[in-house]
Amino acid sequence: MPRRVAVDRHLQTTTAPDGRVLTFAEWGDLEGSPLIFLHGTPGCRLSRHPNQALVRSTRAHVVMYDRPGYGGSDRNPGRRISDCVADIVAIADAVGFDRFAVKGGSGGGPHALAAAALLGDRITRVACSVGVAPYEALGQAWTDGMDPENVKEFGWAMAGEATLAAELVREDAAMRERVAINPANVLGAFDLPESDRAALAQSDWAEVTREEVEEETRNGVWGWVDDDLAFLQPWGFDVTTIRVPTAVWYGLDDVMTPPAHGQWLASQVPGARVRAQTGGHLGSDSAMAELNLWLIDGRPWDP
């Protein structure tokens, strides 16, 4: 079993099979059912739901880790989406999770699907919430419906690592300045639907936003760079091979991950349980609780 080193439950480390350091945190009900949550892009282990009392009420023992290059985790240059699987196994072994559920939000969504496809019986259920589809599946239509800020970012990614890294250094500095003044303005010029603006304006999100923005790029923007590049490359697995019970949720008004992405995933993951929900990229408290309860014990949600 991989060695686990803990400063506190929000700053723990273990080692990947190739020797890289992986940093993770535990949230929710530490005596509850195991759930590994994969953060968005950018993000980190501190990108938890702000209402931890509600998370605990779902009986979810949530582990979140910094994907390589974010926070305290060593970079893994050139990583594919499927490369997350060895890291997930190392962390699950370190905390003593034998079988566990996996949830991925936004940029974490494809990584959750990788676990579903490649980890077999170790995974109980998987949820992909507002996750992107493979670029090769949608081609030139991949950015259709995205906010111009997102289209610009993926244009940098298509131009290559050097261009993307230089631009994201500037983006990160600007985001840090905005958050220092007003955390609700973390996404800056994005033309968000009202549901997303309302979510970001909630006072309990302010502390989480400040903490995650400070932490996610403390060692540079490489996690963000590598995520963006990985989305546009072959993922290293086929979503049609997934046999784990899988939920695919997407927002009908989402301008960060447009509905076409969720619709494609829903059509390709065998037996996917699907929710096309009113609103944008950021879910409600009740939606988080519903999804957690399904992941933990299969409790159904309203379509």
C-alpha atoms as a PDB file:
ATOM      1  CA  MET A   1       0.000   0.000   0.000  1.00  0.00           C
ATOM      2  CA  PRO A   2       1.385   3.466  -0.876  1.00  0.00           C
ATOM      3  CA  ARG A   3       2.691   5.474   2.059  1.00  0.00           C
ATOM      4  CA  ARG A   4       0.436   8.286   3.252  1.00  0.00           C
ATOM      5  CA  VAL A   5       1.829  11.465   4.836  1.00  0.00           C
ATOM      6  CA  ALA A   6      -0.595  13.876   6.478  1.00  0.00           C
ATOM      7  CA  VAL A   7       0.038  17.392   7.792  1.00  0.00           C
ATOM      8  CA  ASP A   8      -3.722  17.678   8.273  1.00  0.00           C
ATOM      9  CA  ARG A   9      -6.673  16.135   6.456  1.00  0.00           C
ATOM     10  CA  HIS A  10      -6.579  18.884   3.830  1.00  0.00           C
ATOM     11  CA  LEU A  11      -2.853  18.484   3.111  1.00  0.00           C
ATOM     12  CA  GLN A  12      -1.849  14.870   2.601  1.00  0.00           C
ATOM     13  CA  THR A  13       0.543  13.246   0.167  1.00  0.00           C
ATOM     14  CA  THR A  14       1.297   9.885  -1.345  1.00  0.00           C
ATOM     15  CA  THR A  15       3.402   8.690  -4.264  1.00  0.00           C
ATOM     16  CA  ALA A  16       2.344   7.703  -7.771  1.00  0.00           C
ATOM     17  CA  PRO A  17       3.771   4.479  -9.258  1.00  0.00           C
ATOM     18  CA  ASP A  18       6.347   6.525 -11.192  1.00  0.00           C
ATOM     19  CA  GLY A  19       7.506   8.377  -8.062  1.00  0.00           C
ATOM     20  CA  ARG A  20       5.592  11.645  -8.499  1.00  0.00           C
ATOM     21  CA  VAL A  21       4.140  13.283  -5.384  1.00  0.00           C
ATOM     22  CA  LEU A  22       0.345  13.412  -5.265  1.00  0.00           C
ATOM     23  CA  THR A  23      -1.351  15.815  -2.852  1.00  0.00           C
ATOM     24  CA  PHE A  24      -4.899  15.272  -1.632  1.00  0.00           C
ATOM     25  CA  ALA A  25      -7.506  16.271   0.956  1.00  0.00           C
ATOM     26  CA  GLU A  26     -10.404  14.579   2.730  1.00  0.00           C
ATOM     27  CA  TRP A  27     -13.820  16.239   3.034  1.00  0.00           C
ATOM     28  CA  GLY A  28     -17.338  15.345   4.091  1.00  0.00           C
ATOM     29  CA  ASP A  29     -18.092  12.457   6.460  1.00  0.00           C
ATOM     30  CA  LEU A  30     -14.788  10.742   7.258  1.00  0.00           C
ATOM     31  CA  GLU A  31     -16.732   7.688   8.488  1.00  0.00           C
ATOM     32  CA  GLY A  32     -18.939   7.623   5.411  1.00  0.00           C
ATOM     33  CA  SER A  33     -18.892   5.865   2.048  1.00  0.00           C
ATOM     34  CA  PRO A  34     -15.832   6.417  -0.166  1.00  0.00           C
ATOM     35  CA  LEU A  35     -16.120   8.927  -3.008  1.00  0.00           C
ATOM     36  CA  ILE A  36     -13.220  10.338  -5.040  1.00  0.00           C
ATOM     37  CA  PHE A  37     -14.112  13.714  -6.539  1.00  0.00           C
ATOM     38  CA  LEU A  38     -12.116  15.021  -9.511  1.00  0.00           C
ATOM     39  CA  HIS A  39     -11.933  18.809  -9.699  1.00  0.00           C
ATOM     40  CA  GLY A  40     -12.482  21.095 -12.676  1.00  0.00           C
ATOM     41  CA  THR A  41     -10.073  23.082 -14.852  1.00  0.00           C
ATOM     42  CA  PRO A  42      -8.360  24.896 -13.283  1.00  0.00           C
ATOM     43  CA  GLY A  43      -8.870  23.575  -9.765  1.00  0.00           C
ATOM     44  CA  CYS A  44      -7.301  21.698  -6.884  1.00  0.00           C
ATOM     45  CA  ARG A  45      -8.025  19.595  -3.812  1.00  0.00           C
ATOM     46  CA  LEU A  46      -9.552  22.665  -2.100  1.00  0.00           C
ATOM     47  CA  SER A  47     -12.257  23.030  -4.780  1.00  0.00           C
ATOM     48  CA  ARG A  48     -14.825  21.430  -2.485  1.00  0.00           C
ATOM     49  CA  HIS A  49     -18.481  22.232  -2.097  1.00  0.00           C
ATOM     50  CA  PRO A  50     -18.751  25.123   0.402  1.00  0.00           C
ATOM     51  CA  ASN A  51     -21.625  23.558   2.366  1.00  0.00           C
ATOM     52  CA  GLN A  52     -19.731  20.773   4.083  1.00  0.00           C
ATOM     53  CA  ALA A  53     -22.608  20.124   6.491  1.00  0.00           C
ATOM     54  CA  LEU A  54     -24.731  19.212   3.482  1.00  0.00           C
ATOM     55  CA  VAL A  55     -21.957  17.026   2.062  1.00  0.00           C
ATOM     56  CA  ARG A  56     -21.685  15.201   5.398  1.00  0.00           C
ATOM     57  CA  SER A  57     -25.448  14.657   5.409  1.00  0.00           C
ATOM     58  CA  THR A  58     -25.071  12.585   2.222  1.00  0.00           C
ATOM     59  CA  ARG A  59     -22.658  10.270   4.110  1.00  0.00           C
ATOM     60  CA  ALA A  60     -19.955  10.793   1.497  1.00  0.00           C
ATOM     61  CA  HIS A  61     -16.314  10.472   2.557  1.00  0.00           C
ATOM     62  CA  VAL A  62     -14.872  12.679  -0.177  1.00  0.00           C
ATOM     63  CA  VAL A  63     -11.242  12.568  -1.275  1.00  0.00           C
ATOM     64  CA  MET A  64     -10.039  15.259  -3.696  1.00  0.00           C
ATOM     65  CA  TYR A  65      -6.546  15.387  -5.159  1.00  0.00           C
ATOM     66  CA  ASP A  66      -4.511  17.931  -7.092  1.00  0.00           C
ATOM     67  CA  ARG A  67      -4.171  16.569 -10.615  1.00  0.00           C
ATOM     68  CA  PRO A  68      -0.528  16.577 -11.749  1.00  0.00           C
ATOM     69  CA  GLY A  69       0.812  20.115 -12.039  1.00  0.00           C
ATOM     70  CA  TYR A  70      -1.839  21.642  -9.776  1.00  0.00           C
ATOM     71  CA  GLY A  71      -1.326  22.616  -6.136  1.00  0.00           C
ATOM     72  CA  GLY A  72       1.149  20.300  -4.467  1.00  0.00           C
ATOM     73  CA  SER A  73       1.144  17.476  -7.040  1.00  0.00           C
ATOM     74  CA  ASP A  74       4.152  17.015  -9.305  1.00  0.00           C
ATOM     75  CA  ARG A  75       3.616  17.653 -12.992  1.00  0.00           C
ATOM     76  CA  ASN A  76       3.263  14.744 -15.438  1.00  0.00           C
ATOM     77  CA  PRO A  77       4.128  16.360 -18.803  1.00  0.00           C
ATOM     78  CA  GLY A  78       2.248  15.049 -21.813  1.00  0.00           C
ATOM     79  CA  ARG A  79      -0.332  13.230 -19.707  1.00  0.00           C
ATOM     80  CA  ARG A  80      -3.468  11.857 -21.304  1.00  0.00           C
ATOM     81  CA  ILE A  81      -6.867  11.701 -19.632  1.00  0.00           C
ATOM     82  CA  SER A  82      -6.392   7.972 -19.000  1.00  0.00           C
ATOM     83  CA  ASP A  83      -3.156   8.607 -17.077  1.00  0.00           C
ATOM     84  CA  CYS A  84      -5.214   9.765 -14.103  1.00  0.00           C
ATOM     85  CA  VAL A  85      -6.207   6.183 -13.385  1.00  0.00           C
ATOM     86  CA  ALA A  86      -2.875   5.140 -11.843  1.00  0.00           C
ATOM     87  CA  ASP A  87      -2.973   8.252  -9.649  1.00  0.00           C
ATOM     88  CA  ILE A  88      -6.527   7.509  -8.508  1.00  0.00           C
ATOM     89  CA  VAL A  89      -5.508   3.965  -7.576  1.00  0.00           C
ATOM     90  CA  ALA A  90      -2.488   5.213  -5.608  1.00  0.00           C
ATOM     91  CA  ILE A  91      -4.628   7.651  -3.614  1.00  0.00           C
ATOM     92  CA  ALA A  92      -7.433   5.139  -3.046  1.00  0.00           C
ATOM     93  CA  ASP A  93      -4.896   2.625  -1.742  1.00  0.00           C
ATOM     94  CA  ALA A  94      -3.281   5.238   0.496  1.00  0.00           C
ATOM     95  CA  VAL A  95      -6.572   6.091   2.217  1.00  0.00           C
ATOM     96  CA  GLY A  96      -7.767   2.484   2.327  1.00  0.00           C
ATOM     97  CA  PHE A  97     -10.560   2.652  -0.253  1.00  0.00           C
ATOM     98  CA  ASP A  98     -11.119  -0.812  -1.724  1.00  0.00           C
ATOM     99  CA  ARG A  99     -14.209  -0.097  -3.821  1.00  0.00           C
ATOM    100  CA  PHE A 100     -15.382   3.491  -4.286  1.00  0.00           C
ATOM    101  CA  ALA A 101     -17.502   5.888  -6.310  1.00  0.00           C
ATOM    102  CA  VAL A 102     -16.017   8.569  -8.543  1.00  0.00           C
ATOM    103  CA  LYS A 103     -17.437  11.959  -9.480  1.00  0.00           C
ATOM    104  CA  GLY A 104     -15.920  14.461 -11.893  1.00  0.00           C
ATOM    105  CA  GLY A 105     -17.076  18.006 -12.472  1.00  0.00           C
ATOM    106  CA  SER A 106     -16.279  20.012 -15.621  1.00  0.00           C
ATOM    107  CA  GLY A 107     -12.633  19.239 -16.473  1.00  0.00           C
ATOM    108  CA  GLY A 108     -12.789  16.378 -13.988  1.00  0.00           C
ATOM    109  CA  GLY A 109     -15.631  14.742 -15.919  1.00  0.00           C
ATOM    110  CA  PRO A 110     -13.519  12.994 -18.580  1.00  0.00           C
ATOM    111  CA  HIS A 111     -11.141  11.806 -15.850  1.00  0.00           C
ATOM    112  CA  ALA A 112     -14.063  10.241 -13.980  1.00  0.00           C
ATOM    113  CA  LEU A 113     -15.101   8.445 -17.161  1.00  0.00           C
ATOM    114  CA  ALA A 114     -11.541   7.114 -17.496  1.00  0.00           C
ATOM    115  CA  ALA A 115     -11.845   5.544 -14.056  1.00  0.00           C
ATOM    116  CA  ALA A 116     -15.180   4.027 -15.057  1.00  0.00           C
ATOM    117  CA  ALA A 117     -13.716   2.546 -18.235  1.00  0.00           C
ATOM    118  CA  LEU A 118     -10.413   1.270 -16.845  1.00  0.00           C
ATOM    119  CA  LEU A 119     -10.834   0.348 -13.187  1.00  0.00           C
ATOM    120  CA  GLY A 120     -13.565  -2.257 -13.498  1.00  0.00           C
ATOM    121  CA  ASP A 121     -14.855  -3.744 -10.262  1.00  0.00           C
ATOM    122  CA  ARG A 122     -13.083  -1.246  -7.995  1.00  0.00           C
ATOM    123  CA  ILE A 123     -15.604   1.403  -9.053  1.00  0.00           C
ATOM    124  CA  THR A 124     -19.158   1.255  -7.715  1.00  0.00           C
ATOM    125  CA  ARG A 125     -20.734   4.190  -9.605  1.00  0.00           C
ATOM    126  CA  VAL A 126     -19.473   7.149 -11.612  1.00  0.00           C
ATOM    127  CA  ALA A 127     -20.857  10.614 -12.324  1.00  0.00           C
ATOM    128  CA  CYS A 128     -19.702  12.996 -15.048  1.00  0.00           C
ATOM    129  CA  SER A 129     -21.189  16.443 -14.438  1.00  0.00           C
ATOM    130  CA  VAL A 130     -20.842  19.139 -17.152  1.00  0.00           C
ATOM    131  CA  GLY A 131     -17.854  17.291 -18.600  1.00  0.00           C
ATOM    132  CA  VAL A 132     -16.515  17.801 -22.110  1.00  0.00           C
ATOM    133  CA  ALA A 133     -16.734  15.252 -24.922  1.00  0.00           C
ATOM    134  CA  PRO A 134     -13.634  14.069 -26.816  1.00  0.00           C
ATOM    135  CA  TYR A 135     -12.437  16.579 -29.380  1.00  0.00           C
ATOM    136  CA  GLU A 136     -12.138  13.850 -31.997  1.00  0.00           C
ATOM    137  CA  ALA A 137     -15.846  13.083 -31.568  1.00  0.00           C
ATOM    138  CA  LEU A 138     -17.142  16.595 -32.273  1.00  0.00           C
ATOM    139  CA  GLY A 139     -14.301  17.950 -34.409  1.00  0.00           C
ATOM    140  CA  GLN A 140     -14.654  21.590 -35.440  1.00  0.00           C
ATOM    141  CA  ALA A 141     -18.005  21.749 -33.627  1.00  0.00           C
ATOM    142  CA  TRP A 142     -16.259  21.082 -30.290  1.00  0.00           C
ATOM    143  CA  THR A 143     -16.223  24.802 -29.384  1.00  0.00           C
ATOM    144  CA  ASP A 144     -19.703  25.573 -30.782  1.00  0.00           C
ATOM    145  CA  GLY A 145     -21.768  27.250 -28.079  1.00  0.00           C
ATOM    146  CA  MET A 146     -18.781  28.029 -25.859  1.00  0.00           C
ATOM    147  CA  ASP A 147     -18.249  31.517 -24.514  1.00  0.00           C
ATOM    148  CA  PRO A 148     -15.623  33.429 -26.560  1.00  0.00           C
ATOM    149  CA  GLU A 149     -13.278  33.311 -23.554  1.00  0.00           C
ATOM    150  CA  ASN A 150     -13.302  29.511 -23.686  1.00  0.00           C
ATOM    151  CA  VAL A 151     -12.915  29.482 -27.462  1.00  0.00           C
ATOM    152  CA  LYS A 152      -9.886  31.757 -27.095  1.00  0.00           C
ATOM    153  CA  GLU A 153      -8.301  29.496 -24.480  1.00  0.00           C
ATOM    154  CA  PHE A 154      -8.648  26.367 -26.574  1.00  0.00           C
ATOM    155  CA  GLY A 155      -7.291  28.263 -29.558  1.00  0.00           C
ATOM    156  CA  TRP A 156      -4.131  28.768 -27.525  1.00  0.00           C
ATOM    157  CA  ALA A 157      -4.102  25.055 -26.727  1.00  0.00           C
ATOM    158  CA  MET A 158      -4.369  24.214 -30.407  1.00  0.00           C
ATOM    159  CA  ALA A 159      -1.405  26.518 -31.051  1.00  0.00           C
ATOM    160  CA  GLY A 160       0.724  24.379 -28.719  1.00  0.00           C
ATOM    161  CA  GLU A 161       2.116  24.182 -25.197  1.00  0.00           C
ATOM    162  CA  ALA A 162       4.389  27.233 -25.394  1.00  0.00           C
ATOM    163  CA  THR A 163       1.612  29.566 -26.544  1.00  0.00           C
ATOM    164  CA  LEU A 164      -0.896  28.137 -24.077  1.00  0.00           C
ATOM    165  CA  ALA A 165       1.477  28.367 -21.103  1.00  0.00           C
ATOM    166  CA  ALA A 166       2.406  31.987 -21.809  1.00  0.00           C
ATOM    167  CA  GLU A 167      -1.224  33.031 -22.150  1.00  0.00           C
ATOM    168  CA  LEU A 168      -2.370  31.131 -19.056  1.00  0.00           C
ATOM    169  CA  VAL A 169       0.319  32.806 -16.951  1.00  0.00           C
ATOM    170  CA  ARG A 170      -1.348  36.125 -17.856  1.00  0.00           C
ATOM    171  CA  GLU A 171      -4.836  34.705 -17.332  1.00  0.00           C
ATOM    172  CA  ASP A 172      -3.876  33.362 -13.915  1.00  0.00           C
ATOM    173  CA  ALA A 173      -2.439  36.705 -12.789  1.00  0.00           C
ATOM    174  CA  ALA A 174      -5.579  38.519 -13.922  1.00  0.00           C
ATOM    175  CA  MET A 175      -7.811  35.989 -12.151  1.00  0.00           C
ATOM    176  CA  ARG A 176      -5.879  36.361  -8.913  1.00  0.00           C
ATOM    177  CA  GLU A 177      -6.295  40.145  -9.093  1.00  0.00           C
ATOM    178  CA  ARG A 178     -10.055  39.832  -9.685  1.00  0.00           C
ATOM    179  CA  VAL A 179     -10.546  37.361  -6.849  1.00  0.00           C
ATOM    180  CA  ALA A 180      -8.616  39.557  -4.421  1.00  0.00           C
ATOM    181  CA  ILE A 181     -11.176  42.291  -5.072  1.00  0.00           C
ATOM    182  CA  ASN A 182     -14.328  40.205  -5.521  1.00  0.00           C
ATOM    183  CA  PRO A 183     -14.356  36.368  -5.602  1.00  0.00           C
ATOM    184  CA  ALA A 184     -17.695  36.401  -7.441  1.00  0.00           C
ATOM    185  CA  ASN A 185     -15.835  37.853 -10.435  1.00  0.00           C
ATOM    186  CA  VAL A 186     -13.505  34.862 -10.713  1.00  0.00           C
ATOM    187  CA  LEU A 187     -14.562  34.188 -14.320  1.00  0.00           C
ATOM    188  CA  GLY A 188     -14.161  37.780 -15.438  1.00  0.00           C
ATOM    189  CA  ALA A 189     -15.417  38.464 -18.949  1.00  0.00           C
ATOM    190  CA  PHE A 190     -17.400  35.232 -19.366  1.00  0.00           C
ATOM    191  CA  ASP A 191     -21.014  35.975 -20.347  1.00  0.00           C
ATOM    192  CA  LEU A 192     -22.553  33.571 -17.848  1.00  0.00           C
ATOM    193  CA  PRO A 193     -26.215  32.663 -17.470  1.00  0.00           C
ATOM    194  CA  GLU A 194     -27.987  34.091 -14.449  1.00  0.00           C
ATOM    195  CA  SER A 195     -27.904  30.748 -12.606  1.00  0.00           C
ATOM    196  CA  ASP A 196     -24.098  30.720 -12.667  1.00  0.00           C
ATOM    197  CA  ARG A 197     -23.832  34.359 -11.611  1.00  0.00           C
ATOM    198  CA  ALA A 198     -26.182  33.695  -8.701  1.00  0.00           C
ATOM    199  CA  ALA A 199     -24.124  30.699  -7.589  1.00  0.00           C
ATOM    200  CA  LEU A 200     -20.856  32.646  -7.691  1.00  0.00           C
ATOM    201  CA  ALA A 201     -22.422  35.496  -5.698  1.00  0.00           C
ATOM    202  CA  GLN A 202     -23.274  33.247  -2.742  1.00  0.00           C
ATOM    203  CA  SER A 203     -21.243  34.294   0.273  1.00  0.00           C
ATOM    204  CA  ASP A 204     -20.169  30.749   1.139  1.00  0.00           C
ATOM    205  CA  TRP A 205     -18.425  30.389  -2.221  1.00  0.00           C
ATOM    206  CA  ALA A 206     -16.108  33.340  -1.523  1.00  0.00           C
ATOM    207  CA  GLU A 207     -13.809  31.517   0.907  1.00  0.00           C
ATOM    208  CA  VAL A 208     -13.581  28.443  -1.330  1.00  0.00           C
ATOM    209  CA  THR A 209     -12.837  30.566  -4.397  1.00  0.00           C
ATOM    210  CA  ARG A 210     -10.058  32.493  -2.640  1.00  0.00           C
ATOM    211  CA  GLU A 211      -8.441  29.316  -1.336  1.00  0.00           C
ATOM    212  CA  GLU A 212      -8.569  27.370  -4.574  1.00  0.00           C
ATOM    213  CA  VAL A 213      -7.302  30.230  -6.761  1.00  0.00           C
ATOM    214  CA  GLU A 214      -4.395  30.763  -4.376  1.00  0.00           C
ATOM    215  CA  GLU A 215      -3.519  27.061  -4.299  1.00  0.00           C
ATOM    216  CA  GLU A 216      -4.215  25.678  -7.772  1.00  0.00           C
ATOM    217  CA  THR A 217      -1.330  27.465  -9.528  1.00  0.00           C
ATOM    218  CA  ARG A 218       1.079  28.002  -6.639  1.00  0.00           C
ATOM    219  CA  ASN A 219       3.716  26.023  -8.553  1.00  0.00           C
ATOM    220  CA  GLY A 220       2.822  27.417 -11.953  1.00  0.00           C
ATOM    221  CA  VAL A 221       0.059  26.933 -14.512  1.00  0.00           C
ATOM    222  CA  TRP A 222       1.209  23.490 -15.669  1.00  0.00           C
ATOM    223  CA  GLY A 223      -1.793  21.556 -14.396  1.00  0.00           C
ATOM    224  CA  TRP A 224      -4.076  23.914 -16.307  1.00  0.00           C
ATOM    225  CA  VAL A 225      -1.871  23.658 -19.407  1.00  0.00           C
ATOM    226  CA  ASP A 226      -1.794  19.872 -19.329  1.00  0.00           C
ATOM    227  CA  ASP A 227      -5.555  19.585 -18.775  1.00  0.00           C
ATOM    228  CA  ASP A 228      -6.322  21.760 -21.798  1.00  0.00           C
ATOM    229  CA  LEU A 229      -3.906  19.847 -23.997  1.00  0.00           C
ATOM    230  CA  ALA A 230      -5.257  16.493 -22.809  1.00  0.00           C
ATOM    231  CA  PHE A 231      -8.858  17.393 -23.667  1.00  0.00           C
ATOM    232  CA  LEU A 232      -7.887  17.940 -27.297  1.00  0.00           C
ATOM    233  CA  GLN A 233      -5.842  14.737 -27.675  1.00  0.00           C
ATOM    234  CA  PRO A 234      -7.062  11.119 -27.811  1.00  0.00           C
ATOM    235  CA  TRP A 235      -8.151  10.282 -24.274  1.00  0.00           C
ATOM    236  CA  GLY A 236      -6.610   6.802 -24.095  1.00  0.00           C
ATOM    237  CA  PHE A 237      -9.887   4.931 -23.560  1.00  0.00           C
ATOM    238  CA  ASP A 238     -13.263   4.419 -25.217  1.00  0.00           C
ATOM    239  CA  VAL A 239     -16.365   5.622 -23.343  1.00  0.00           C
ATOM    240  CA  THR A 240     -18.445   2.926 -25.056  1.00  0.00           C
ATOM    241  CA  THR A 241     -16.582   0.273 -23.016  1.00  0.00           C
ATOM    242  CA  ILE A 242     -17.894   1.634 -19.690  1.00  0.00           C
ATOM    243  CA  ARG A 243     -19.892  -0.961 -17.762  1.00  0.00           C
ATOM    244  CA  VAL A 244     -20.085   0.798 -14.396  1.00  0.00           C
ATOM    245  CA  PRO A 245     -23.401   2.525 -13.537  1.00  0.00           C
ATOM    246  CA  THR A 246     -22.795   6.043 -14.850  1.00  0.00           C
ATOM    247  CA  ALA A 247     -24.618   9.354 -14.515  1.00  0.00           C
ATOM    248  CA  VAL A 248     -24.151  12.059 -17.150  1.00  0.00           C
ATOM    249  CA  TRP A 249     -25.445  15.494 -16.171  1.00  0.00           C
ATOM    250  CA  TYR A 250     -25.245  18.649 -18.258  1.00  0.00           C
ATOM    251  CA  GLY A 251     -26.638  22.184 -18.210  1.00  0.00           C
ATOM    252  CA  LEU A 252     -28.953  23.380 -20.948  1.00  0.00           C
ATOM    253  CA  ASP A 253     -27.632  26.956 -20.610  1.00  0.00           C
ATOM    254  CA  ASP A 254     -23.968  26.062 -20.098  1.00  0.00           C
ATOM    255  CA  VAL A 255     -21.551  28.295 -22.058  1.00  0.00           C
ATOM    256  CA  MET A 256     -18.420  26.606 -20.710  1.00  0.00           C
ATOM    257  CA  THR A 257     -19.323  23.021 -21.603  1.00  0.00           C
ATOM    258  CA  PRO A 258     -22.194  23.362 -24.090  1.00  0.00           C
ATOM    259  CA  PRO A 259     -25.084  20.873 -24.040  1.00  0.00           C
ATOM    260  CA  ALA A 260     -23.847  19.102 -27.170  1.00  0.00           C
ATOM    261  CA  HIS A 261     -20.979  17.657 -25.125  1.00  0.00           C
ATOM    262  CA  GLY A 262     -23.269  16.143 -22.526  1.00  0.00           C
ATOM    263  CA  GLN A 263     -25.648  14.925 -25.206  1.00  0.00           C
ATOM    264  CA  TRP A 264     -22.817  13.127 -27.011  1.00  0.00           C
ATOM    265  CA  LEU A 265     -21.563  11.493 -23.799  1.00  0.00           C
ATOM    266  CA  ALA A 266     -25.111  10.485 -22.842  1.00  0.00           C
ATOM    267  CA  SER A 267     -25.548   8.804 -26.218  1.00  0.00           C
ATOM    268  CA  GLN A 268     -22.248   6.915 -26.047  1.00  0.00           C
ATOM    269  CA  VAL A 269     -21.923   5.679 -22.440  1.00  0.00           C
ATOM    270  CA  PRO A 270     -23.894   2.422 -22.289  1.00  0.00           C
ATOM    271  CA  GLY A 271     -26.934   2.693 -20.043  1.00  0.00           C
ATOM    272  CA  ALA A 272     -26.041   6.202 -18.863  1.00  0.00           C
ATOM    273  CA  ARG A 273     -28.503   7.787 -16.500  1.00  0.00           C
ATOM    274  CA  VAL A 274     -28.952  11.314 -17.855  1.00  0.00           C
ATOM    275  CA  ARG A 275     -30.099  14.651 -16.514  1.00  0.00           C
ATOM    276  CA  ALA A 276     -30.331  17.688 -18.762  1.00  0.00           C
ATOM    277  CA  GLN A 277     -30.848  20.366 -16.139  1.00  0.00           C
ATOM    278  CA  THR A 278     -32.014  23.931 -16.475  1.00  0.00           C
ATOM    279  CA  GLY A 279     -29.161  26.336 -15.835  1.00  0.00           C
ATOM    280  CA  GLY A 280     -25.495  26.661 -16.616  1.00  0.00           C
ATOM    281  CA  HIS A 281     -22.182  25.200 -15.497  1.00  0.00           C
ATOM    282  CA  LEU A 282     -22.518  25.487 -11.737  1.00  0.00           C
ATOM    283  CA  GLY A 283     -24.955  23.192  -9.987  1.00  0.00           C
ATOM    284  CA  SER A 284     -27.203  23.846  -7.013  1.00  0.00           C
ATOM    285  CA  ASP A 285     -26.813  22.513  -3.480  1.00  0.00           C
ATOM    286  CA  SER A 286     -29.757  20.172  -4.007  1.00  0.00           C
ATOM    287  CA  ALA A 287     -28.252  18.802  -7.230  1.00  0.00           C
ATOM    288  CA  MET A 288     -24.958  18.046  -5.466  1.00  0.00           C
ATOM    289  CA  ALA A 289     -26.793  16.204  -2.701  1.00  0.00           C
ATOM    290  CA  GLU A 290     -28.934  14.226  -5.158  1.00  0.00           C
ATOM    291  CA  LEU A 291     -25.909  13.124  -7.129  1.00  0.00           C
ATOM    292  CA  ASN A 292     -23.948  12.183  -4.009  1.00  0.00           C
ATOM    293  CA  LEU A 293     -26.837  10.084  -2.721  1.00  0.00           C
ATOM    294  CA  TRP A 294     -27.082   8.245  -6.026  1.00  0.00           C
ATOM    295  CA  LEU A 295     -23.344   7.626  -6.006  1.00  0.00           C
ATOM    296  CA  ILE A 296     -23.370   6.384  -2.413  1.00  0.00           C
ATOM    297  CA  ASP A 297     -26.405   4.110  -2.396  1.00  0.00           C
ATOM    298  CA  GLY A 298     -28.162   4.332  -5.748  1.00  0.00           C
ATOM    299  CA  ARG A 299     -30.936   6.564  -4.495  1.00  0.00           C
ATOM    300  CA  PRO A 300     -32.854   7.729  -7.584  1.00  0.00           C
ATOM    301  CA  TRP A 301     -33.268  11.367  -8.521  1.00  0.00           C
ATOM    302  CA  ASP A 302     -36.078  13.085 -10.367  1.00  0.00           C
ATOM    303  CA  PRO A 303     -35.386  13.184 -14.128  1.00  0.00           C
END
